[in-house]
C-alpha atoms as a PDB file:
ATOM      1  CA  UNK A   1      42.552  94.042  40.541  1.00  0.00           C
ATOM      2  CA  UNK A   2      38.904  92.525  40.861  1.00  0.00           C
ATOM      3  CA  UNK A   3      37.609  91.807  44.354  1.00  0.00           C
ATOM      4  CA  UNK A   4      38.354  88.141  44.233  1.00  0.00           C
ATOM      5  CA  UNK A   5      41.994  88.461  43.672  1.00  0.00           C
ATOM      6  CA  UNK A   6      42.358  91.446  46.217  1.00  0.00           C
ATOM      7  CA  UNK A   7      40.505  89.091  48.674  1.00  0.00           C
ATOM      8  CA  UNK A   8      42.989  86.276  48.072  1.00  0.00           C
ATOM      9  CA  UNK A   9      46.018  88.656  48.155  1.00  0.00           C
ATOM     10  CA  UNK A  10      44.812  90.436  51.544  1.00  0.00           C
ATOM     11  CA  UNK A  11      44.169  87.147  53.063  1.00  0.00           C
ATOM     12  CA  UNK A  12      47.463  85.697  52.294  1.00  0.00           C
ATOM     13  CA  UNK A  13      49.344  88.871  53.697  1.00  0.00           C
ATOM     14  CA  UNK A  14      47.051  89.141  56.808  1.00  0.00           C
ATOM     15  CA  UNK A  15      47.322  85.645  57.673  1.00  0.00           C
ATOM     16  CA  UNK A  16      51.339  85.078  56.959  1.00  0.00           C
ATOM     17  CA  UNK A  17      51.787  88.315  59.008  1.00  0.00           C
ATOM     18  CA  UNK A  18      49.822  87.462  61.927  1.00  0.00           C
ATOM     19  CA  UNK A  19      51.241  83.810  61.992  1.00  0.00           C
ATOM     20  CA  UNK A  20      54.832  85.259  61.389  1.00  0.00           C
ATOM     21  CA  UNK A  21      54.727  87.523  64.222  1.00  0.00           C
ATOM     22  CA  UNK A  22      54.309  84.522  66.628  1.00  0.00           C
ATOM     23  CA  UNK A  23      57.007  82.614  64.787  1.00  0.00           C
ATOM     24  CA  UNK A  24      59.235  85.416  65.611  1.00  0.00           C
ATOM     25  CA  UNK A  25      58.737  84.879  69.217  1.00  0.00           C
ATOM     26  CA  UNK A  26      59.946  81.166  68.854  1.00  0.00           C
ATOM     27  CA  UNK A  27      62.615  81.965  66.520  1.00  0.00           C
ATOM     28  CA  UNK A  28      65.928  80.214  67.637  1.00  0.00           C
ATOM     29  CA  UNK A  29      64.316  78.973  70.736  1.00  0.00           C
ATOM     30  CA  UNK A  30      62.655  75.780  70.129  1.00  0.00           C
ATOM     31  CA  UNK A  31      63.685  72.144  69.753  1.00  0.00           C
ATOM     32  CA  UNK A  32      63.372  70.092  66.799  1.00  0.00           C
ATOM     33  CA  UNK A  33      61.876  66.560  66.123  1.00  0.00           C
ATOM     34  CA  UNK A  34      63.068  64.530  63.162  1.00  0.00           C
ATOM     35  CA  UNK A  35      60.471  63.069  60.886  1.00  0.00           C
ATOM     36  CA  UNK A  36      60.706  59.960  58.929  1.00  0.00           C
ATOM     37  CA  UNK A  37      62.044  61.534  56.109  1.00  0.00           C
ATOM     38  CA  UNK A  38      65.065  63.066  58.013  1.00  0.00           C
ATOM     39  CA  UNK A  39      63.607  66.629  58.051  1.00  0.00           C
ATOM     40  CA  UNK A  40      62.915  68.575  61.054  1.00  0.00           C
ATOM     41  CA  UNK A  41      59.775  69.610  62.686  1.00  0.00           C
ATOM     42  CA  UNK A  42      58.764  71.818  65.692  1.00  0.00           C
ATOM     43  CA  UNK A  43      55.864  72.613  67.569  1.00  0.00           C
ATOM     44  CA  UNK A  44      55.949  75.926  65.924  1.00  0.00           C
ATOM     45  CA  UNK A  45      55.712  74.378  62.498  1.00  0.00           C
ATOM     46  CA  UNK A  46      52.603  72.453  63.859  1.00  0.00           C
ATOM     47  CA  UNK A  47      51.078  75.529  65.390  1.00  0.00           C
ATOM     48  CA  UNK A  48      51.679  77.579  62.226  1.00  0.00           C
ATOM     49  CA  UNK A  49      50.064  74.733  60.176  1.00  0.00           C
ATOM     50  CA  UNK A  50      46.918  74.495  62.322  1.00  0.00           C
ATOM     51  CA  UNK A  51      46.579  78.372  62.302  1.00  0.00           C
ATOM     52  CA  UNK A  52      46.765  78.508  58.622  1.00  0.00           C
ATOM     53  CA  UNK A  53      44.316  75.618  57.968  1.00  0.00           C
ATOM     54  CA  UNK A  54      41.897  77.310  60.210  1.00  0.00           C
ATOM     55  CA  UNK A  55      42.123  80.606  58.630  1.00  0.00           C
ATOM     56  CA  UNK A  56      41.461  78.977  55.129  1.00  0.00           C
ATOM     57  CA  UNK A  57      38.717  76.941  56.383  1.00  0.00           C
ATOM     58  CA  UNK A  58      36.987  80.055  57.643  1.00  0.00           C
ATOM     59  CA  UNK A  59      37.448  82.236  54.516  1.00  0.00           C
ATOM     60  CA  UNK A  60      37.428  80.007  51.677  1.00  0.00           C
ATOM     61  CA  UNK A  61      34.759  77.483  52.274  1.00  0.00           C
ATOM     62  CA  UNK A  62      35.039  74.227  49.720  1.00  0.00           C
ATOM     63  CA  UNK A  63      38.457  74.817  48.953  1.00  0.00           C
ATOM     64  CA  UNK A  64      41.127  71.813  49.477  1.00  0.00           C
ATOM     65  CA  UNK A  65      44.050  71.890  51.604  1.00  0.00           C
ATOM     66  CA  UNK A  66      47.532  70.330  50.894  1.00  0.00           C
ATOM     67  CA  UNK A  67      49.949  70.437  53.839  1.00  0.00           C
ATOM     68  CA  UNK A  68      53.526  69.372  54.676  1.00  0.00           C
ATOM     69  CA  UNK A  69      52.410  69.012  58.450  1.00  0.00           C
ATOM     70  CA  UNK A  70      48.995  67.472  58.128  1.00  0.00           C
ATOM     71  CA  UNK A  71      46.808  66.957  54.615  1.00  0.00           C
ATOM     72  CA  UNK A  72      49.346  65.134  52.202  1.00  0.00           C
ATOM     73  CA  UNK A  73      46.577  64.033  49.982  1.00  0.00           C
ATOM     74  CA  UNK A  74      45.688  66.098  47.238  1.00  0.00           C
ATOM     75  CA  UNK A  75      41.913  66.345  47.495  1.00  0.00           C
ATOM     76  CA  UNK A  76      41.106  67.082  43.771  1.00  0.00           C
ATOM     77  CA  UNK A  77      39.128  69.896  44.590  1.00  0.00           C
ATOM     78  CA  UNK A  78      38.806  72.644  41.919  1.00  0.00           C
ATOM     79  CA  UNK A  79      40.754  75.334  44.206  1.00  0.00           C
ATOM     80  CA  UNK A  80      43.259  74.307  46.707  1.00  0.00           C
ATOM     81  CA  UNK A  81      45.785  75.858  49.015  1.00  0.00           C
ATOM     82  CA  UNK A  82      48.952  74.426  49.540  1.00  0.00           C
ATOM     83  CA  UNK A  83      50.981  75.443  52.650  1.00  0.00           C
ATOM     84  CA  UNK A  84      54.495  75.108  53.826  1.00  0.00           C
ATOM     85  CA  UNK A  85      54.025  76.798  57.389  1.00  0.00           C
ATOM     86  CA  UNK A  86      57.711  76.929  57.872  1.00  0.00           C
ATOM     87  CA  UNK A  87      59.969  76.466  55.157  1.00  0.00           C
ATOM     88  CA  UNK A  88      63.680  76.137  56.415  1.00  0.00           C
ATOM     89  CA  UNK A  89      63.011  74.737  60.116  1.00  0.00           C
ATOM     90  CA  UNK A  90      66.758  73.872  60.466  1.00  0.00           C
ATOM     91  CA  UNK A  91      67.397  77.725  59.844  1.00  0.00           C
ATOM     92  CA  UNK A  92      64.653  78.435  62.372  1.00  0.00           C
ATOM     93  CA  UNK A  93      65.519  76.260  65.194  1.00  0.00           C
ATOM     94  CA  UNK A  94      69.780  77.217  64.999  1.00  0.00           C
ATOM     95  CA  UNK A  95      68.825  80.978  64.761  1.00  0.00           C
ATOM     96  CA  UNK A  96      69.724  81.606  61.188  1.00  0.00           C
ATOM     97  CA  UNK A  97      67.409  84.379  59.843  1.00  0.00           C
ATOM     98  CA  UNK A  98      66.399  82.917  56.578  1.00  0.00           C
ATOM     99  CA  UNK A  99      63.052  80.908  56.730  1.00  0.00           C
ATOM    100  CA  UNK A 100      59.409  81.495  55.169  1.00  0.00           C
ATOM    101  CA  UNK A 101      55.910  80.889  55.216  1.00  0.00           C
ATOM    102  CA  UNK A 102      54.629  79.732  51.799  1.00  0.00           C
ATOM    103  CA  UNK A 103      51.117  79.516  50.367  1.00  0.00           C
ATOM    104  CA  UNK A 104      50.325  78.500  46.914  1.00  0.00           C
ATOM    105  CA  UNK A 105      47.027  78.417  45.604  1.00  0.00           C
ATOM    106  CA  UNK A 106      45.972  76.037  42.982  1.00  0.00           C
ATOM    107  CA  UNK A 107      43.322  75.835  40.433  1.00  0.00           C
ATOM    108  CA  UNK A 108      42.638  72.287  39.006  1.00  0.00           C
ATOM    109  CA  UNK A 109      45.790  70.992  40.249  1.00  0.00           C
ATOM    110  CA  UNK A 110      48.276  73.918  39.148  1.00  0.00           C
ATOM    111  CA  UNK A 111      49.266  76.969  40.889  1.00  0.00           C
ATOM    112  CA  UNK A 112      47.959  80.322  39.856  1.00  0.00           C
ATOM    113  CA  UNK A 113      48.753  82.428  42.931  1.00  0.00           C
ATOM    114  CA  UNK A 114      51.829  82.393  45.159  1.00  0.00           C
ATOM    115  CA  UNK A 115      52.647  84.084  48.362  1.00  0.00           C
ATOM    116  CA  UNK A 116      55.932  83.723  50.320  1.00  0.00           C
ATOM    117  CA  UNK A 117      56.959  85.773  53.597  1.00  0.00           C
ATOM    118  CA  UNK A 118      60.315  85.920  55.312  1.00  0.00           C
ATOM    119  CA  UNK A 119      59.352  87.420  58.649  1.00  0.00           C
ATOM    120  CA  UNK A 120      62.988  88.197  59.682  1.00  0.00           C
ATOM    121  CA  UNK A 121      64.002  89.988  56.563  1.00  0.00           C
ATOM    122  CA  UNK A 122      60.572  91.622  56.472  1.00  0.00           C
ATOM    123  CA  UNK A 123      60.163  90.402  52.711  1.00  0.00           C
ATOM    124  CA  UNK A 124      56.801  89.257  51.256  1.00  0.00           C
ATOM    125  CA  UNK A 125      56.800  88.025  47.546  1.00  0.00           C
ATOM    126  CA  UNK A 126      53.656  87.387  45.699  1.00  0.00           C
ATOM    127  CA  UNK A 127      52.748  86.765  41.993  1.00  0.00           C
ATOM    128  CA  UNK A 128      50.017  85.533  39.738  1.00  0.00           C
ATOM    129  CA  UNK A 129      50.584  83.120  36.899  1.00  0.00           C
ATOM    130  CA  UNK A 130      47.717  82.145  34.914  1.00  0.00           C
ATOM    131  CA  UNK A 131      49.589  79.877  32.453  1.00  0.00           C
ATOM    132  CA  UNK A 132      46.981  77.706  30.625  1.00  0.00           C
ATOM    133  CA  UNK A 133      44.263  77.883  33.248  1.00  0.00           C
ATOM    134  CA  UNK A 134      41.993  80.040  31.339  1.00  0.00           C
ATOM    135  CA  UNK A 135      41.590  82.378  34.086  1.00  0.00           C
ATOM    136  CA  UNK A 136      42.071  86.133  33.995  1.00  0.00           C
ATOM    137  CA  UNK A 137      44.365  86.887  36.759  1.00  0.00           C
ATOM    138  CA  UNK A 138      46.388  90.023  37.348  1.00  0.00           C
ATOM    139  CA  UNK A 139      50.039  90.006  36.067  1.00  0.00           C
ATOM    140  CA  UNK A 140      53.243  90.144  37.598  1.00  0.00           C
ATOM    141  CA  UNK A 141      55.629  89.203  40.532  1.00  0.00           C
ATOM    142  CA  UNK A 142      56.121  91.448  43.487  1.00  0.00           C
ATOM    143  CA  UNK A 143      58.647  92.094  46.585  1.00  0.00           C
ATOM    144  CA  UNK A 144      56.819  94.255  49.256  1.00  0.00           C
ATOM    145  CA  UNK A 145      54.440  95.225  46.496  1.00  0.00           C
ATOM    146  CA  UNK A 146      56.997  96.509  44.198  1.00  0.00           C
ATOM    147  CA  UNK A 147      57.533  94.733  40.865  1.00  0.00           C
ATOM    148  CA  UNK A 148      60.389  92.405  40.437  1.00  0.00           C
ATOM    149  CA  UNK A 149      62.044  90.813  37.441  1.00  0.00           C
ATOM    150  CA  UNK A 150      64.793  88.164  36.844  1.00  0.00           C
ATOM    151  CA  UNK A 151      68.191  89.250  35.771  1.00  0.00           C
ATOM    152  CA  UNK A 152      69.244  89.735  32.129  1.00  0.00           C
ATOM    153  CA  UNK A 153      72.923  89.386  32.929  1.00  0.00           C
ATOM    154  CA  UNK A 154      75.346  86.715  31.766  1.00  0.00           C
ATOM    155  CA  UNK A 155      77.119  84.453  34.364  1.00  0.00           C
ATOM    156  CA  UNK A 156      80.309  85.810  35.854  1.00  0.00           C
ATOM    157  CA  UNK A 157      82.469  85.412  38.966  1.00  0.00           C
ATOM    158  CA  UNK A 158      80.554  88.126  40.199  1.00  0.00           C
ATOM    159  CA  UNK A 159      77.276  86.534  39.835  1.00  0.00           C
ATOM    160  CA  UNK A 160      75.651  83.881  42.238  1.00  0.00           C
ATOM    161  CA  UNK A 161      73.948  80.679  41.932  1.00  0.00           C
ATOM    162  CA  UNK A 162      72.327  78.848  44.743  1.00  0.00           C
ATOM    163  CA  UNK A 163      72.470  75.220  45.468  1.00  0.00           C
ATOM    164  CA  UNK A 164      71.273  73.181  48.206  1.00  0.00           C
ATOM    165  CA  UNK A 165      73.006  70.578  50.431  1.00  0.00           C
ATOM    166  CA  UNK A 166      72.087  67.549  48.248  1.00  0.00           C
ATOM    167  CA  UNK A 167      73.333  69.515  44.966  1.00  0.00           C
ATOM    168  CA  UNK A 168      76.938  70.158  46.072  1.00  0.00           C
ATOM    169  CA  UNK A 169      78.228  67.624  43.120  1.00  0.00           C
ATOM    170  CA  UNK A 170      77.478  70.332  40.854  1.00  0.00           C
ATOM    171  CA  UNK A 171      80.655  72.221  42.130  1.00  0.00           C
ATOM    172  CA  UNK A 172      83.139  71.463  39.425  1.00  0.00           C
ATOM    173  CA  UNK A 173      85.851  73.330  37.773  1.00  0.00           C
ATOM    174  CA  UNK A 174      84.670  76.138  35.564  1.00  0.00           C
ATOM    175  CA  UNK A 175      81.389  76.518  37.150  1.00  0.00           C
ATOM    176  CA  UNK A 176      80.247  79.875  35.590  1.00  0.00           C
ATOM    177  CA  UNK A 177      79.216  81.736  38.941  1.00  0.00           C
ATOM    178  CA  UNK A 178      79.895  82.039  42.798  1.00  0.00           C
ATOM    179  CA  UNK A 179      77.993  79.678  44.939  1.00  0.00           C
ATOM    180  CA  UNK A 180      75.518  80.376  47.745  1.00  0.00           C
ATOM    181  CA  UNK A 181      73.603  77.873  49.952  1.00  0.00           C
ATOM    182  CA  UNK A 182      70.669  79.271  51.953  1.00  0.00           C
ATOM    183  CA  UNK A 183      68.862  76.447  53.086  1.00  0.00           C
ATOM    184  CA  UNK A 184      65.432  77.304  52.034  1.00  0.00           C
ATOM    185  CA  UNK A 185      64.086  75.884  48.932  1.00  0.00           C
ATOM    186  CA  UNK A 186      61.594  78.518  48.454  1.00  0.00           C
ATOM    187  CA  UNK A 187      63.851  81.547  49.264  1.00  0.00           C
ATOM    188  CA  UNK A 188      66.435  79.833  47.017  1.00  0.00           C
ATOM    189  CA  UNK A 189      64.221  80.146  44.023  1.00  0.00           C
ATOM    190  CA  UNK A 190      62.806  83.688  44.909  1.00  0.00           C
ATOM    191  CA  UNK A 191      66.269  85.311  44.713  1.00  0.00           C
ATOM    192  CA  UNK A 192      66.058  84.530  41.082  1.00  0.00           C
ATOM    193  CA  UNK A 193      62.672  86.039  40.574  1.00  0.00           C
ATOM    194  CA  UNK A 194      64.407  89.361  42.524  1.00  0.00           C
ATOM    195  CA  UNK A 195      67.445  89.162  40.063  1.00  0.00           C
ATOM    196  CA  UNK A 196      69.846  88.682  42.831  1.00  0.00           C
ATOM    197  CA  UNK A 197      71.042  85.357  41.762  1.00  0.00           C
ATOM    198  CA  UNK A 198      70.931  83.767  38.005  1.00  0.00           C
ATOM    199  CA  UNK A 199      70.006  80.451  39.296  1.00  0.00           C
ATOM    200  CA  UNK A 200      69.525  77.826  41.653  1.00  0.00           C
ATOM    201  CA  UNK A 201      68.927  73.955  42.182  1.00  0.00           C
ATOM    202  CA  UNK A 202      66.910  71.920  44.539  1.00  0.00           C
ATOM    203  CA  UNK A 203      67.449  68.307  44.488  1.00  0.00           C
ATOM    204  CA  UNK A 204      64.755  66.917  46.745  1.00  0.00           C
ATOM    205  CA  UNK A 205      61.984  69.671  47.066  1.00  0.00           C
ATOM    206  CA  UNK A 206      58.281  68.687  47.898  1.00  0.00           C
ATOM    207  CA  UNK A 207      55.242  70.221  46.467  1.00  0.00           C
ATOM    208  CA  UNK A 208      54.758  72.526  49.375  1.00  0.00           C
ATOM    209  CA  UNK A 209      58.343  73.756  49.019  1.00  0.00           C
ATOM    210  CA  UNK A 210      57.723  74.949  45.558  1.00  0.00           C
ATOM    211  CA  UNK A 211      54.030  75.635  44.987  1.00  0.00           C
ATOM    212  CA  UNK A 212      54.296  79.279  46.206  1.00  0.00           C
ATOM    213  CA  UNK A 213      57.634  80.143  44.522  1.00  0.00           C
ATOM    214  CA  UNK A 214      56.546  78.259  41.064  1.00  0.00           C
ATOM    215  CA  UNK A 215      54.284  81.022  40.429  1.00  0.00           C
ATOM    216  CA  UNK A 216      56.531  83.885  41.593  1.00  0.00           C
ATOM    217  CA  UNK A 217      59.448  82.724  39.832  1.00  0.00           C
ATOM    218  CA  UNK A 218      57.646  82.389  36.148  1.00  0.00           C
ATOM    219  CA  UNK A 219      55.632  85.664  36.719  1.00  0.00           C
ATOM    220  CA  UNK A 220      59.138  87.271  37.348  1.00  0.00           C
ATOM    221  CA  UNK A 221      60.338  86.157  34.010  1.00  0.00           C
ATOM    222  CA  UNK A 222      62.355  83.115  35.061  1.00  0.00           C
ATOM    223  CA  UNK A 223      62.435  79.577  33.838  1.00  0.00           C
ATOM    224  CA  UNK A 224      61.355  76.634  35.896  1.00  0.00           C
ATOM    225  CA  UNK A 225      62.987  73.524  34.744  1.00  0.00           C
ATOM    226  CA  UNK A 226      61.873  70.148  36.248  1.00  0.00           C
ATOM    227  CA  UNK A 227      64.772  67.670  36.419  1.00  0.00           C
ATOM    228  CA  UNK A 228      62.685  64.609  36.622  1.00  0.00           C
ATOM    229  CA  UNK A 229      58.883  64.542  36.714  1.00  0.00           C
ATOM    230  CA  UNK A 230      56.759  68.063  36.269  1.00  0.00           C
ATOM    231  CA  UNK A 231      55.013  68.916  39.692  1.00  0.00           C
ATOM    232  CA  UNK A 232      51.925  70.281  38.231  1.00  0.00           C
ATOM    233  CA  UNK A 233      48.925  69.348  37.749  1.00  0.00           C
ATOM    234  CA  UNK A 234      48.568  67.560  40.897  1.00  0.00           C
ATOM    235  CA  UNK A 235      46.692  64.076  40.640  1.00  0.00           C
ATOM    236  CA  UNK A 236      43.655  63.710  42.922  1.00  0.00           C
ATOM    237  CA  UNK A 237      44.225  61.266  45.835  1.00  0.00           C
ATOM    238  CA  UNK A 238      47.910  61.171  45.220  1.00  0.00           C
ATOM    239  CA  UNK A 239      49.973  60.996  48.555  1.00  0.00           C
ATOM    240  CA  UNK A 240      52.622  63.747  47.966  1.00  0.00           C
ATOM    241  CA  UNK A 241      54.791  63.250  51.539  1.00  0.00           C
ATOM    242  CA  UNK A 242      57.312  61.248  49.747  1.00  0.00           C
ATOM    243  CA  UNK A 243      57.401  62.526  46.115  1.00  0.00           C
ATOM    244  CA  UNK A 244      60.338  64.862  45.388  1.00  0.00           C
ATOM    245  CA  UNK A 245      60.648  67.233  42.236  1.00  0.00           C
ATOM    246  CA  UNK A 246      64.177  68.096  41.545  1.00  0.00           C
ATOM    247  CA  UNK A 247      64.500  71.442  39.955  1.00  0.00           C
ATOM    248  CA  UNK A 248      66.635  73.767  38.134  1.00  0.00           C
ATOM    249  CA  UNK A 249      65.622  77.698  37.891  1.00  0.00           C
ATOM    250  CA  UNK A 250      67.347  80.039  35.760  1.00  0.00           C
ATOM    251  CA  UNK A 251      66.746  83.725  35.212  1.00  0.00           C
ATOM    252  CA  UNK A 252      66.160  83.282  31.462  1.00  0.00           C
ATOM    253  CA  UNK A 253      66.042  80.335  28.755  1.00  0.00           C
ATOM    254  CA  UNK A 254      69.727  80.907  27.414  1.00  0.00           C
ATOM    255  CA  UNK A 255      71.177  79.828  30.637  1.00  0.00           C
ATOM    256  CA  UNK A 256      69.493  76.412  30.908  1.00  0.00           C
ATOM    257  CA  UNK A 257      72.311  74.756  28.849  1.00  0.00           C
ATOM    258  CA  UNK A 258      74.813  76.907  30.454  1.00  0.00           C
ATOM    259  CA  UNK A 259      73.928  75.417  33.964  1.00  0.00           C
ATOM    260  CA  UNK A 260      72.587  71.979  32.988  1.00  0.00           C
ATOM    261  CA  UNK A 261      75.960  70.041  32.339  1.00  0.00           C
ATOM    262  CA  UNK A 262      76.999  70.914  35.958  1.00  0.00           C
ATOM    263  CA  UNK A 263      73.996  69.000  37.192  1.00  0.00           C
ATOM    264  CA  UNK A 264      74.997  65.540  35.528  1.00  0.00           C
ATOM    265  CA  UNK A 265      76.452  64.258  38.834  1.00  0.00           C
ATOM    266  CA  UNK A 266      73.884  65.307  41.338  1.00  0.00           C
ATOM    267  CA  UNK A 267      71.465  62.472  42.634  1.00  0.00           C
ATOM    268  CA  UNK A 268      68.034  63.188  41.852  1.00  0.00           C
END
């Protein structure tokens, strides 16, 4: 790995570890306010957002920032960090130990590096996905620096599929897997990357929910299937605060037609 990518990976690890340590002190102890879109936000979210933005500004001069809690307009810079300082705020406030800090690094509007840290689980995911960028990036997806890959298994009653709370209409007779609901968009999809689940759906994820996981899932061999509009590349000057990107993720291409029929009743 050349010095550029090592610097980016080290920055993501150091920053999320530091922020995560403080968030662990607040975990299950803070009150949440409701935002205009109905989601929750705490002072911990806002603190983490500011800390990460300040760290980016200090280490990556000229890079843009797109964040759930502050800068929601894509600046159109060649390089841009997308931040979700606390994905899973409801879990966080209720003391449920599944929530993450998510970072995605975009080149010309498309993620090429993703880093997602789950402090309570001591799990740090990262991946590189050059796609059609023309950049020479490292290859692969990792959990705590160990390579991960999606499952090659076929669906059965002993395999899992994740839903979000807005996609429960998919639960119909004949659904080919057991259902799980984790409450965190990034972690939903990352369980596919590790092979723990065969797929997952999020009906209303925002760009900061998916930017980091988008890279890691594909680097791990998974299939990212947008159910409405493609999230990337982002468009300069666009406000992404009220735009959702319904998504189906599966472990391999053959499973897309297996699960898609069950999603017909899901409102997206």
